[in-house]
Structures are given as structure tokens and as C-alpha cells.
């Protein structure tokens, strides 16, 4: 597997992890009432960006000599990271609401 392919699939896996982590943060920081406030969305996006940029610096150190252009380290898989994050976030949050039996109707 080439370094670009490894980087791409690592970003997809990190999007999955970030979606689950942000769903847990939203659920346990405000519960179902957090949906009526905009801060849950901003907190989720901030956590997703934080995970992305922390892992960017880690990947930059690992793949510095393996990838020709340093800009490819930042741009490879960024779309799939955020697509996977939002899909996993919605599915995880919904599954947690159902499994825990939280009533979201006010």
C-alpha cells in the first residue's frame, strides 16, 4: 500500500473515531436538550477540527520523507474525513439516544 493510500484510509478511520467521540461529548455534556442550543454544533465541529489538526502534525512527522509534496499530507482525505465524521456523528448520536431511551421531544 502506498503512503498516500495509507494516509487516506487513516483519515477515514479517524473520521469514524471523531464522529463517535463528538456524539458522546454532545450527549453527555447536554443530553437531548443540547439539540435546542447551537453550541453543540460548534463544539462538535471544534472537536473534529482539533482531531484533524493534531493528527495532521503526527502524519506530517511520519510521512515527511515518504510523500513528495508536503501539501498532499494536509489535503489527502480531508473530504472523506469530514464526510465520515458527520455521517458517523449523526448515526452514533441517534443510536445512543435510542439505546439510552432519552426522550428528545420537548
PDB file of N, CA and C in Angstrom:
ATOM      1  N   UNK A   1       0.853  -1.169   0.000  1.00  0.00           N
ATOM      2  CA  UNK A   1       0.000   0.000   0.000  1.00  0.00           C
ATOM      3  C   UNK A   1       0.902   1.237   0.000  1.00  0.00           C
ATOM      4  N   UNK A   2       0.565   2.203  -0.839  1.00  0.00           N
ATOM      5  CA  UNK A   2       1.377   3.415  -0.934  1.00  0.00           C
ATOM      6  C   UNK A   2       1.119   4.310   0.280  1.00  0.00           C
ATOM      7  N   UNK A   3       2.045   5.226   0.568  1.00  0.00           N
ATOM      8  CA  UNK A   3       1.838   6.133   1.708  1.00  0.00           C
ATOM      9  C   UNK A   3       0.594   7.012   1.568  1.00  0.00           C
ATOM     10  N   UNK A   4       0.270   7.416   0.342  1.00  0.00           N
ATOM     11  CA  UNK A   4      -0.937   8.229   0.132  1.00  0.00           C
ATOM     12  C   UNK A   4      -2.192   7.418   0.468  1.00  0.00           C
ATOM     13  N   UNK A   5      -2.208   6.160   0.078  1.00  0.00           N
ATOM     14  CA  UNK A   5      -3.351   5.296   0.374  1.00  0.00           C
ATOM     15  C   UNK A   5      -3.473   5.055   1.875  1.00  0.00           C
ATOM     16  N   UNK A   6      -2.356   4.856   2.532  1.00  0.00           N
ATOM     17  CA  UNK A   6      -2.369   4.683   3.992  1.00  0.00           C
ATOM     18  C   UNK A   6      -2.902   5.936   4.680  1.00  0.00           C
ATOM     19  N   UNK A   7      -2.451   7.080   4.204  1.00  0.00           N
ATOM     20  CA  UNK A   7      -2.896   8.351   4.779  1.00  0.00           C
ATOM     21  C   UNK A   7      -4.399   8.544   4.564  1.00  0.00           C
ATOM     22  N   UNK A   8      -4.872   8.221   3.377  1.00  0.00           N
ATOM     23  CA  UNK A   8      -6.290   8.368   3.052  1.00  0.00           C
ATOM     24  C   UNK A   8      -7.160   7.509   3.975  1.00  0.00           C
ATOM     25  N   UNK A   9      -6.826   6.234   4.101  1.00  0.00           N
ATOM     26  CA  UNK A   9      -7.644   5.351   4.922  1.00  0.00           C
ATOM     27  C   UNK A   9      -7.489   5.637   6.407  1.00  0.00           C
ATOM     28  N   UNK A  10      -6.360   6.186   6.795  1.00  0.00           N
ATOM     29  CA  UNK A  10      -6.199   6.629   8.187  1.00  0.00           C
ATOM     30  C   UNK A  10      -7.142   7.783   8.483  1.00  0.00           C
ATOM     31  N   UNK A  11      -7.294   8.686   7.528  1.00  0.00           N
ATOM     32  CA  UNK A  11      -8.219   9.808   7.712  1.00  0.00           C
ATOM     33  C   UNK A  11      -9.665   9.327   7.782  1.00  0.00           C
ATOM     34  N   UNK A  12     -10.018   8.341   6.992  1.00  0.00           N
ATOM     35  CA  UNK A  12     -11.377   7.787   7.051  1.00  0.00           C
ATOM     36  C   UNK A  12     -11.627   7.165   8.423  1.00  0.00           C
ATOM     37  N   UNK A  13     -10.666   6.401   8.922  1.00  0.00           N
ATOM     38  CA  UNK A  13     -10.802   5.785  10.249  1.00  0.00           C
ATOM     39  C   UNK A  13     -10.862   6.851  11.342  1.00  0.00           C
ATOM     40  N   UNK A  14     -10.085   7.906  11.196  1.00  0.00           N
ATOM     41  CA  UNK A  14     -10.128   8.987  12.180  1.00  0.00           C
ATOM     42  C   UNK A  14     -11.459   9.735  12.134  1.00  0.00           C
ATOM     43  N   UNK A  15     -12.058   9.852  10.967  1.00  0.00           N
ATOM     44  CA  UNK A  15     -13.389  10.445  10.864  1.00  0.00           C
ATOM     45  C   UNK A  15     -14.420   9.631  11.617  1.00  0.00           C
ATOM     46  N   UNK A  16     -14.288   8.324  11.536  1.00  0.00           N
ATOM     47  CA  UNK A  16     -15.173   7.425  12.276  1.00  0.00           C
ATOM     48  C   UNK A  16     -15.011   7.626  13.778  1.00  0.00           C
ATOM     49  N   UNK A  17     -13.776   7.660  14.238  1.00  0.00           N
ATOM     50  CA  UNK A  17     -13.500   7.860  15.667  1.00  0.00           C
ATOM     51  C   UNK A  17     -13.977   9.241  16.122  1.00  0.00           C
ATOM     52  N   UNK A  18     -13.719  10.261  15.313  1.00  0.00           N
ATOM     53  CA  UNK A  18     -14.133  11.623  15.672  1.00  0.00           C
ATOM     54  C   UNK A  18     -15.652  11.729  15.752  1.00  0.00           C
ATOM     55  N   UNK A  19     -16.364  11.032  14.879  1.00  0.00           N
ATOM     56  CA  UNK A  19     -17.828  11.059  14.933  1.00  0.00           C
ATOM     57  C   UNK A  19     -18.367  10.445  16.207  1.00  0.00           C
ATOM     58  N   UNK A  20     -17.791   9.340  16.618  1.00  0.00           N
ATOM     59  CA  UNK A  20     -18.231   8.692  17.858  1.00  0.00           C
ATOM     60  C   UNK A  20     -17.884   9.556  19.073  1.00  0.00           C
ATOM     61  N   UNK A  21     -16.683  10.118  19.080  1.00  0.00           N
ATOM     62  CA  UNK A  21     -16.251  10.964  20.203  1.00  0.00           C
ATOM     63  C   UNK A  21     -17.134  12.201  20.323  1.00  0.00           C
ATOM     64  N   UNK A  22     -17.424  12.866  19.207  1.00  0.00           N
ATOM     65  CA  UNK A  22     -18.260  14.059  19.284  1.00  0.00           C
ATOM     66  C   UNK A  22     -19.700  13.729  19.660  1.00  0.00           C
ATOM     67  N   UNK A  23     -20.198  12.583  19.238  1.00  0.00           N
ATOM     68  CA  UNK A  23     -21.550  12.182  19.654  1.00  0.00           C
ATOM     69  C   UNK A  23     -21.599  11.964  21.161  1.00  0.00           C
ATOM     70  N   UNK A  24     -20.580  11.331  21.698  1.00  0.00           N
ATOM     71  CA  UNK A  24     -20.532  11.123  23.150  1.00  0.00           C
ATOM     72  C   UNK A  24     -20.406  12.441  23.901  1.00  0.00           C
ATOM     73  N   UNK A  25     -19.606  13.353  23.375  1.00  0.00           N
ATOM     74  CA  UNK A  25     -19.440  14.657  24.030  1.00  0.00           C
ATOM     75  C   UNK A  25     -20.762  15.417  24.052  1.00  0.00           C
ATOM     76  N   UNK A  26     -21.458  15.446  22.921  1.00  0.00           N
ATOM     77  CA  UNK A  26     -22.743  16.161  22.860  1.00  0.00           C
ATOM     78  C   UNK A  26     -23.766  15.506  23.778  1.00  0.00           C
ATOM     79  N   UNK A  27     -23.840  14.201  23.755  1.00  0.00           N
ATOM     80  CA  UNK A  27     -24.844  13.506  24.556  1.00  0.00           C
ATOM     81  C   UNK A  27     -24.612  13.700  26.047  1.00  0.00           C
ATOM     82  N   UNK A  28     -23.373  13.571  26.493  1.00  0.00           N
ATOM     83  CA  UNK A  28     -23.118  13.631  27.926  1.00  0.00           C
ATOM     84  C   UNK A  28     -22.822  15.035  28.437  1.00  0.00           C
ATOM     85  N   UNK A  29     -22.660  15.998  27.543  1.00  0.00           N
ATOM     86  CA  UNK A  29     -22.476  17.376  28.022  1.00  0.00           C
ATOM     87  C   UNK A  29     -23.806  18.097  28.162  1.00  0.00           C
ATOM     88  N   UNK A  30     -24.776  17.772  27.299  1.00  0.00           N
ATOM     89  CA  UNK A  30     -26.042  18.467  27.395  1.00  0.00           C
ATOM     90  C   UNK A  30     -27.249  17.587  27.241  1.00  0.00           C
ATOM     91  N   UNK A  31     -27.036  16.347  26.867  1.00  0.00           N
ATOM     92  CA  UNK A  31     -28.157  15.430  26.687  1.00  0.00           C
ATOM     93  C   UNK A  31     -29.008  15.823  25.498  1.00  0.00           C
ATOM     94  N   UNK A  32     -30.253  15.484  25.558  1.00  0.00           N
ATOM     95  CA  UNK A  32     -31.167  15.776  24.460  1.00  0.00           C
ATOM     96  C   UNK A  32     -31.492  17.257  24.385  1.00  0.00           C
ATOM     97  N   UNK A  33     -31.404  17.972  25.502  1.00  0.00           N
ATOM     98  CA  UNK A  33     -31.697  19.403  25.475  1.00  0.00           C
ATOM     99  C   UNK A  33     -30.612  20.189  24.756  1.00  0.00           C
ATOM    100  N   UNK A  34     -29.465  19.568  24.511  1.00  0.00           N
ATOM    101  CA  UNK A  34     -28.394  20.245  23.792  1.00  0.00           C
ATOM    102  C   UNK A  34     -28.781  20.521  22.345  1.00  0.00           C
ATOM    103  N   UNK A  35     -29.741  19.768  21.812  1.00  0.00           N
ATOM    104  CA  UNK A  35     -30.163  19.977  20.430  1.00  0.00           C
ATOM    105  C   UNK A  35     -30.864  21.309  20.222  1.00  0.00           C
ATOM    106  N   UNK A  36     -31.387  21.910  21.272  1.00  0.00           N
ATOM    107  CA  UNK A  36     -32.104  23.164  21.145  1.00  0.00           C
ATOM    108  C   UNK A  36     -31.183  24.361  21.270  1.00  0.00           C
ATOM    109  N   UNK A  37     -29.890  24.107  21.391  1.00  0.00           N
ATOM    110  CA  UNK A  37     -28.888  25.152  21.504  1.00  0.00           C
ATOM    111  C   UNK A  37     -27.875  24.949  20.386  1.00  0.00           C
ATOM    112  N   UNK A  38     -27.325  26.016  19.858  1.00  0.00           N
ATOM    113  CA  UNK A  38     -26.378  25.921  18.753  1.00  0.00           C
ATOM    114  C   UNK A  38     -24.973  25.540  19.199  1.00  0.00           C
ATOM    115  N   UNK A  39     -24.695  25.636  20.480  1.00  0.00           N
ATOM    116  CA  UNK A  39     -23.337  25.369  20.955  1.00  0.00           C
ATOM    117  C   UNK A  39     -22.909  23.917  20.744  1.00  0.00           C
ATOM    118  N   UNK A  40     -23.851  22.964  20.699  1.00  0.00           N
ATOM    119  CA  UNK A  40     -23.484  21.562  20.467  1.00  0.00           C
ATOM    120  C   UNK A  40     -22.847  21.388  19.102  1.00  0.00           C
ATOM    121  N   UNK A  41     -23.353  22.122  18.107  1.00  0.00           N
ATOM    122  CA  UNK A  41     -22.790  22.028  16.769  1.00  0.00           C
ATOM    123  C   UNK A  41     -21.390  22.627  16.715  1.00  0.00           C
ATOM    124  N   UNK A  42     -21.225  23.771  17.335  1.00  0.00           N
ATOM    125  CA  UNK A  42     -19.907  24.413  17.355  1.00  0.00           C
ATOM    126  C   UNK A  42     -18.889  23.590  18.128  1.00  0.00           C
ATOM    127  N   UNK A  43     -19.307  23.001  19.226  1.00  0.00           N
ATOM    128  CA  UNK A  43     -18.401  22.132  19.989  1.00  0.00           C
ATOM    129  C   UNK A  43     -18.010  20.894  19.186  1.00  0.00           C
ATOM    130  N   UNK A  44     -18.948  20.319  18.464  1.00  0.00           N
ATOM    131  CA  UNK A  44     -18.667  19.133  17.657  1.00  0.00           C
ATOM    132  C   UNK A  44     -17.696  19.443  16.528  1.00  0.00           C
ATOM    133  N   UNK A  45     -17.921  20.547  15.848  1.00  0.00           N
ATOM    134  CA  UNK A  45     -17.019  20.942  14.764  1.00  0.00           C
ATOM    135  C   UNK A  45     -15.633  21.247  15.301  1.00  0.00           C
ATOM    136  N   UNK A  46     -15.564  21.888  16.457  1.00  0.00           N
ATOM    137  CA  UNK A  46     -14.272  22.204  17.063  1.00  0.00           C
ATOM    138  C   UNK A  46     -13.504  20.937  17.421  1.00  0.00           C
ATOM    139  N   UNK A  47     -14.173  19.962  17.993  1.00  0.00           N
ATOM    140  CA  UNK A  47     -13.508  18.698  18.340  1.00  0.00           C
ATOM    141  C   UNK A  47     -13.042  17.975  17.085  1.00  0.00           C
ATOM    142  N   UNK A  48     -13.869  17.962  16.040  1.00  0.00           N
ATOM    143  CA  UNK A  48     -13.485  17.317  14.783  1.00  0.00           C
ATOM    144  C   UNK A  48     -12.267  18.005  14.161  1.00  0.00           C
ATOM    145  N   UNK A  49     -12.249  19.321  14.167  1.00  0.00           N
ATOM    146  CA  UNK A  49     -11.090  20.058  13.644  1.00  0.00           C
ATOM    147  C   UNK A  49      -9.853  19.831  14.493  1.00  0.00           C
ATOM    148  N   UNK A  50     -10.033  19.785  15.790  1.00  0.00           N
ATOM    149  CA  UNK A  50      -8.908  19.547  16.690  1.00  0.00           C
ATOM    150  C   UNK A  50      -8.278  18.178  16.434  1.00  0.00           C
ATOM    151  N   UNK A  51      -9.102  17.164  16.300  1.00  0.00           N
ATOM    152  CA  UNK A  51      -8.593  15.820  15.999  1.00  0.00           C
ATOM    153  C   UNK A  51      -7.879  15.821  14.649  1.00  0.00           C
ATOM    154  N   UNK A  52      -8.461  16.503  13.658  1.00  0.00           N
ATOM    155  CA  UNK A  52      -7.846  16.543  12.335  1.00  0.00           C
ATOM    156  C   UNK A  52      -6.468  17.196  12.381  1.00  0.00           C
ATOM    157  N   UNK A  53      -6.351  18.349  13.037  1.00  0.00           N
ATOM    158  CA  UNK A  53      -5.077  19.058  13.024  1.00  0.00           C
ATOM    159  C   UNK A  53      -4.020  18.414  13.919  1.00  0.00           C
ATOM    160  N   UNK A  54      -4.431  17.795  15.004  1.00  0.00           N
ATOM    161  CA  UNK A  54      -3.458  17.064  15.824  1.00  0.00           C
ATOM    162  C   UNK A  54      -2.885  15.893  15.031  1.00  0.00           C
ATOM    163  N   UNK A  55      -3.761  15.175  14.357  1.00  0.00           N
ATOM    164  CA  UNK A  55      -3.262  14.046  13.563  1.00  0.00           C
ATOM    165  C   UNK A  55      -2.515  14.513  12.327  1.00  0.00           C
ATOM    166  N   UNK A  56      -2.803  15.712  11.830  1.00  0.00           N
ATOM    167  CA  UNK A  56      -2.029  16.251  10.711  1.00  0.00           C
ATOM    168  C   UNK A  56      -0.561  16.400  11.098  1.00  0.00           C
ATOM    169  N   UNK A  57      -0.302  16.944  12.275  1.00  0.00           N
ATOM    170  CA  UNK A  57       1.086  17.115  12.715  1.00  0.00           C
ATOM    171  C   UNK A  57       1.771  15.768  12.960  1.00  0.00           C
ATOM    172  N   UNK A  58       1.014  14.801  13.422  1.00  0.00           N
ATOM    173  CA  UNK A  58       1.579  13.462  13.593  1.00  0.00           C
ATOM    174  C   UNK A  58       1.893  12.847  12.227  1.00  0.00           C
ATOM    175  N   UNK A  59       0.940  12.943  11.302  1.00  0.00           N
ATOM    176  CA  UNK A  59       1.165  12.404   9.960  1.00  0.00           C
ATOM    177  C   UNK A  59       2.288  13.137   9.234  1.00  0.00           C
ATOM    178  N   UNK A  60       2.407  14.434   9.471  1.00  0.00           N
ATOM    179  CA  UNK A  60       3.480  15.196   8.836  1.00  0.00           C
ATOM    180  C   UNK A  60       4.839  14.692   9.286  1.00  0.00           C
ATOM    181  N   UNK A  61       4.964  14.358  10.553  1.00  0.00           N
ATOM    182  CA  UNK A  61       6.232  13.824  11.051  1.00  0.00           C
ATOM    183  C   UNK A  61       6.505  12.424  10.494  1.00  0.00           C
ATOM    184  N   UNK A  62       5.473  11.628  10.357  1.00  0.00           N
ATOM    185  CA  UNK A  62       5.646  10.248   9.886  1.00  0.00           C
ATOM    186  C   UNK A  62       5.902  10.199   8.380  1.00  0.00           C
ATOM    187  N   UNK A  63       5.150  10.968   7.608  1.00  0.00           N
ATOM    188  CA  UNK A  63       5.201  10.875   6.152  1.00  0.00           C
ATOM    189  C   UNK A  63       6.049  11.957   5.483  1.00  0.00           C
ATOM    190  N   UNK A  64       6.828  12.691   6.246  1.00  0.00           N
ATOM    191  CA  UNK A  64       7.601  13.793   5.684  1.00  0.00           C
ATOM    192  C   UNK A  64       8.514  13.334   4.549  1.00  0.00           C
ATOM    193  N   UNK A  65       9.198  12.225   4.710  1.00  0.00           N
ATOM    194  CA  UNK A  65      10.133  11.754   3.699  1.00  0.00           C
ATOM    195  C   UNK A  65       9.489  10.798   2.693  1.00  0.00           C
ATOM    196  N   UNK A  66       8.277  10.341   2.963  1.00  0.00           N
ATOM    197  CA  UNK A  66       7.646   9.353   2.101  1.00  0.00           C
ATOM    198  C   UNK A  66       6.752   9.971   1.022  1.00  0.00           C
ATOM    199  N   UNK A  67       6.302  11.202   1.222  1.00  0.00           N
ATOM    200  CA  UNK A  67       5.409  11.872   0.273  1.00  0.00           C
ATOM    201  C   UNK A  67       6.147  13.078  -0.298  1.00  0.00           C
ATOM    202  N   UNK A  68       6.072  13.240  -1.638  1.00  0.00           N
ATOM    203  CA  UNK A  68       6.835  14.263  -2.310  1.00  0.00           C
ATOM    204  C   UNK A  68       6.463  15.678  -1.887  1.00  0.00           C
ATOM    205  N   UNK A  69       5.186  16.001  -1.994  1.00  0.00           N
ATOM    206  CA  UNK A  69       4.725  17.349  -1.686  1.00  0.00           C
ATOM    207  C   UNK A  69       4.133  17.402  -0.283  1.00  0.00           C
ATOM    208  N   UNK A  70       4.633  18.279   0.577  1.00  0.00           N
ATOM    209  CA  UNK A  70       4.067  18.375   1.934  1.00  0.00           C
ATOM    210  C   UNK A  70       2.595  18.782   1.959  1.00  0.00           C
ATOM    211  N   UNK A  71       2.141  19.490   0.940  1.00  0.00           N
ATOM    212  CA  UNK A  71       0.736  19.899   0.913  1.00  0.00           C
ATOM    213  C   UNK A  71      -0.200  18.703   0.723  1.00  0.00           C
ATOM    214  N   UNK A  72       0.295  17.615   0.151  1.00  0.00           N
ATOM    215  CA  UNK A  72      -0.516  16.412  -0.024  1.00  0.00           C
ATOM    216  C   UNK A  72      -0.877  15.783   1.322  1.00  0.00           C
ATOM    217  N   UNK A  73      -0.027  15.984   2.323  1.00  0.00           N
ATOM    218  CA  UNK A  73      -0.311  15.424   3.648  1.00  0.00           C
ATOM    219  C   UNK A  73      -1.553  16.087   4.236  1.00  0.00           C
ATOM    220  N   UNK A  74      -1.699  17.379   4.004  1.00  0.00           N
ATOM    221  CA  UNK A  74      -2.860  18.097   4.523  1.00  0.00           C
ATOM    222  C   UNK A  74      -4.118  17.802   3.719  1.00  0.00           C
ATOM    223  N   UNK A  75      -3.999  17.734   2.406  1.00  0.00           N
ATOM    224  CA  UNK A  75      -5.192  17.649   1.558  1.00  0.00           C
ATOM    225  C   UNK A  75      -5.694  16.233   1.299  1.00  0.00           C
ATOM    226  N   UNK A  76      -4.868  15.236   1.492  1.00  0.00           N
ATOM    227  CA  UNK A  76      -5.287  13.862   1.208  1.00  0.00           C
ATOM    228  C   UNK A  76      -6.326  13.400   2.226  1.00  0.00           C
ATOM    229  N   UNK A  77      -7.495  13.073   1.737  1.00  0.00           N
ATOM    230  CA  UNK A  77      -8.539  12.512   2.579  1.00  0.00           C
ATOM    231  C   UNK A  77      -9.323  13.505   3.412  1.00  0.00           C
ATOM    232  N   UNK A  78      -9.135  14.804   3.199  1.00  0.00           N
ATOM    233  CA  UNK A  78      -9.830  15.778   4.047  1.00  0.00           C
ATOM    234  C   UNK A  78     -11.343  15.733   3.828  1.00  0.00           C
ATOM    235  N   UNK A  79     -11.761  15.555   2.579  1.00  0.00           N
ATOM    236  CA  UNK A  79     -13.196  15.468   2.306  1.00  0.00           C
ATOM    237  C   UNK A  79     -13.830  14.230   2.912  1.00  0.00           C
ATOM    238  N   UNK A  80     -13.162  13.108   2.772  1.00  0.00           N
ATOM    239  CA  UNK A  80     -13.688  11.869   3.351  1.00  0.00           C
ATOM    240  C   UNK A  80     -13.653  11.899   4.871  1.00  0.00           C
ATOM    241  N   UNK A  81     -12.671  12.575   5.446  1.00  0.00           N
ATOM    242  CA  UNK A  81     -12.628  12.703   6.902  1.00  0.00           C
ATOM    243  C   UNK A  81     -13.899  13.386   7.406  1.00  0.00           C
ATOM    244  N   UNK A  82     -14.225  14.538   6.814  1.00  0.00           N
ATOM    245  CA  UNK A  82     -15.374  15.284   7.303  1.00  0.00           C
ATOM    246  C   UNK A  82     -16.699  14.628   6.905  1.00  0.00           C
ATOM    247  N   UNK A  83     -16.749  13.979   5.745  1.00  0.00           N
ATOM    248  CA  UNK A  83     -17.960  13.245   5.384  1.00  0.00           C
ATOM    249  C   UNK A  83     -18.179  12.070   6.330  1.00  0.00           C
ATOM    250  N   UNK A  84     -17.121  11.327   6.612  1.00  0.00           N
ATOM    251  CA  UNK A  84     -17.232  10.197   7.538  1.00  0.00           C
ATOM    252  C   UNK A  84     -17.566  10.687   8.936  1.00  0.00           C
ATOM    253  N   UNK A  85     -16.981  11.815   9.332  1.00  0.00           N
ATOM    254  CA  UNK A  85     -17.253  12.367  10.659  1.00  0.00           C
ATOM    255  C   UNK A  85     -18.730  12.716  10.806  1.00  0.00           C
ATOM    256  N   UNK A  86     -19.297  13.454   9.853  1.00  0.00           N
ATOM    257  CA  UNK A  86     -20.680  13.888  10.002  1.00  0.00           C
ATOM    258  C   UNK A  86     -21.645  12.706   9.939  1.00  0.00           C
ATOM    259  N   UNK A  87     -21.374  11.744   9.053  1.00  0.00           N
ATOM    260  CA  UNK A  87     -22.246  10.574   8.961  1.00  0.00           C
ATOM    261  C   UNK A  87     -22.184   9.747  10.241  1.00  0.00           C
ATOM    262  N   UNK A  88     -20.985   9.525  10.746  1.00  0.00           N
ATOM    263  CA  UNK A  88     -20.819   8.733  11.966  1.00  0.00           C
ATOM    264  C   UNK A  88     -21.359   9.479  13.189  1.00  0.00           C
ATOM    265  N   UNK A  89     -21.212  10.791  13.193  1.00  0.00           N
ATOM    266  CA  UNK A  89     -21.740  11.600  14.290  1.00  0.00           C
ATOM    267  C   UNK A  89     -23.262  11.468  14.367  1.00  0.00           C
ATOM    268  N   UNK A  90     -23.932  11.622  13.251  1.00  0.00           N
ATOM    269  CA  UNK A  90     -25.396  11.542  13.230  1.00  0.00           C
ATOM    270  C   UNK A  90     -25.870  10.141  13.611  1.00  0.00           C
ATOM    271  N   UNK A  91     -25.248   9.135  13.025  1.00  0.00           N
ATOM    272  CA  UNK A  91     -25.655   7.758  13.335  1.00  0.00           C
ATOM    273  C   UNK A  91     -25.364   7.380  14.787  1.00  0.00           C
ATOM    274  N   UNK A  92     -24.204   7.771  15.297  1.00  0.00           N
ATOM    275  CA  UNK A  92     -23.852   7.449  16.688  1.00  0.00           C
ATOM    276  C   UNK A  92     -24.768   8.160  17.672  1.00  0.00           C
ATOM    277  N   UNK A  93     -25.023   9.441  17.415  1.00  0.00           N
ATOM    278  CA  UNK A  93     -25.883  10.202  18.314  1.00  0.00           C
ATOM    279  C   UNK A  93     -27.297   9.622  18.325  1.00  0.00           C
ATOM    280  N   UNK A  94     -27.812   9.292  17.148  1.00  0.00           N
ATOM    281  CA  UNK A  94     -29.151   8.713  17.057  1.00  0.00           C
ATOM    282  C   UNK A  94     -29.210   7.362  17.757  1.00  0.00           C
ATOM    283  N   UNK A  95     -28.202   6.528  17.541  1.00  0.00           N
ATOM    284  CA  UNK A  95     -28.180   5.216  18.182  1.00  0.00           C
ATOM    285  C   UNK A  95     -28.087   5.346  19.697  1.00  0.00           C
ATOM    286  N   UNK A  96     -27.287   6.275  20.182  1.00  0.00           N
ATOM    287  CA  UNK A  96     -27.173   6.464  21.629  1.00  0.00           C
ATOM    288  C   UNK A  96     -28.475   6.973  22.234  1.00  0.00           C
ATOM    289  N   UNK A  97     -29.154   7.882  21.538  1.00  0.00           N
ATOM    290  CA  UNK A  97     -30.449   8.381  22.024  1.00  0.00           C
ATOM    291  C   UNK A  97     -31.451   7.229  22.134  1.00  0.00           C
ATOM    292  N   UNK A  98     -31.488   6.377  21.129  1.00  0.00           N
ATOM    293  CA  UNK A  98     -32.437   5.253  21.127  1.00  0.00           C
ATOM    294  C   UNK A  98     -32.060   4.225  22.192  1.00  0.00           C
ATOM    295  N   UNK A  99     -30.767   3.869  22.254  1.00  0.00           N
ATOM    296  CA  UNK A  99     -30.345   2.854  23.215  1.00  0.00           C
ATOM    297  C   UNK A  99     -30.526   3.296  24.656  1.00  0.00           C
ATOM    298  N   UNK A 100     -30.289   4.575  24.923  1.00  0.00           N
ATOM    299  CA  UNK A 100     -30.432   5.058  26.297  1.00  0.00           C
ATOM    300  C   UNK A 100     -31.869   5.460  26.629  1.00  0.00           C
ATOM    301  N   UNK A 101     -32.727   5.496  25.631  1.00  0.00           N
ATOM    302  CA  UNK A 101     -34.139   5.795  25.863  1.00  0.00           C
ATOM    303  C   UNK A 101     -34.373   7.245  26.268  1.00  0.00           C
ATOM    304  N   UNK A 102     -33.612   8.145  25.718  1.00  0.00           N
ATOM    305  CA  UNK A 102     -33.780   9.572  26.041  1.00  0.00           C
ATOM    306  C   UNK A 102     -34.885  10.140  25.179  1.00  0.00           C
ATOM    307  N   UNK A 103     -35.804  10.873  25.814  1.00  0.00           N
ATOM    308  CA  UNK A 103     -36.921  11.492  25.107  1.00  0.00           C
ATOM    309  C   UNK A 103     -36.480  12.877  24.653  1.00  0.00           C
ATOM    310  N   UNK A 104     -36.457  13.109  23.339  1.00  0.00           N
ATOM    311  CA  UNK A 104     -35.980  14.404  22.840  1.00  0.00           C
ATOM    312  C   UNK A 104     -37.125  15.347  22.503  1.00  0.00           C
ATOM    313  N   UNK A 105     -38.369  14.918  22.630  1.00  0.00           N
ATOM    314  CA  UNK A 105     -39.489  15.787  22.348  1.00  0.00           C
ATOM    315  C   UNK A 105     -39.768  16.645  23.568  1.00  0.00           C
ATOM    316  N   UNK A 106     -39.742  17.952  23.349  1.00  0.00           N
ATOM    317  CA  UNK A 106     -39.918  18.871  24.485  1.00  0.00           C
ATOM    318  C   UNK A 106     -41.365  19.226  24.682  1.00  0.00           C
TER     319      UNK A 106
END
